Amino acid sequence: MIALPNQRNEALHQKLGYIKVGVMERCGVKFDQVIDTFIWQRSLIEEHG
């Protein structure tokens, strides 16, 4: 999960092959601010062909 906004971390996850699969809205607090988080996933099995 990535606390939003965080463009550098999002770019890193995309580069590593992760895809966004969801968002949890207003689910946490960081630096006294309510935050949303993206949920990412990456397959551990490579598909061929």
Protein backbone atom coordinates (compact mmCIF):
# COMPACT_ATOMS: atom_id res chain seq x y z
CA MET A 1 0.00 0.00 0.00
CA ILE A 2 1.14 3.53 -0.72
CA ALA A 3 -0.01 6.58 1.21
CA LEU A 4 -1.26 9.26 -1.18
CA PRO A 5 -0.04 11.47 -2.67
CA ASN A 6 3.36 9.89 -3.41
CA GLN A 7 4.25 10.16 -7.11
CA ARG A 8 7.84 8.86 -6.75
CA ASN A 9 6.71 5.71 -4.95
CA GLU A 10 3.91 5.14 -7.48
CA ALA A 11 6.41 5.46 -10.36
CA LEU A 12 8.74 2.96 -8.68
CA HIS A 13 5.97 0.39 -8.21
CA GLN A 14 4.85 0.78 -11.83
CA LYS A 15 8.44 0.34 -13.05
CA LEU A 16 8.70 -2.89 -11.02
CA GLY A 17 5.57 -4.30 -12.69
CA TYR A 18 2.96 -3.65 -10.00
CA ILE A 19 -0.56 -2.61 -10.96
CA LYS A 20 -3.08 -0.60 -8.96
CA VAL A 21 -5.97 -2.75 -7.81
CA GLY A 22 -7.78 -0.47 -5.41
CA VAL A 23 -7.87 2.53 -3.16
CA MET A 24 -8.78 2.74 0.50
CA GLU A 25 -10.19 6.18 1.18
CA ARG A 26 -9.56 8.11 4.41
CA CYS A 27 -8.07 5.01 6.05
CA GLY A 28 -5.13 6.45 7.94
CA VAL A 29 -3.44 9.48 9.43
CA LYS A 30 0.03 10.77 8.52
CA PHE A 31 1.49 14.01 9.84
CA ASP A 32 -1.91 14.90 11.33
CA GLN A 33 -3.64 14.55 7.93
CA VAL A 34 -6.20 11.93 6.93
CA ILE A 35 -4.84 9.95 3.97
CA ASP A 36 -5.96 7.55 1.25
CA THR A 37 -3.85 4.59 0.18
CA PHE A 38 -3.50 2.71 -3.11
CA ILE A 39 -3.36 -1.07 -3.05
CA TRP A 40 -0.91 -2.60 -5.53
CA GLN A 41 -0.28 -6.16 -6.66
CA ARG A 42 2.23 -8.04 -8.76
CA SER A 43 2.00 -11.60 -9.98
CA LEU A 44 4.69 -13.92 -8.65
CA ILE A 45 4.22 -16.23 -11.62
CA GLU A 46 5.52 -15.12 -15.01
CA GLU A 47 3.18 -15.83 -17.90
CA HIS A 48 4.73 -16.96 -21.17
CA GLY A 49 3.42 -16.43 -24.57
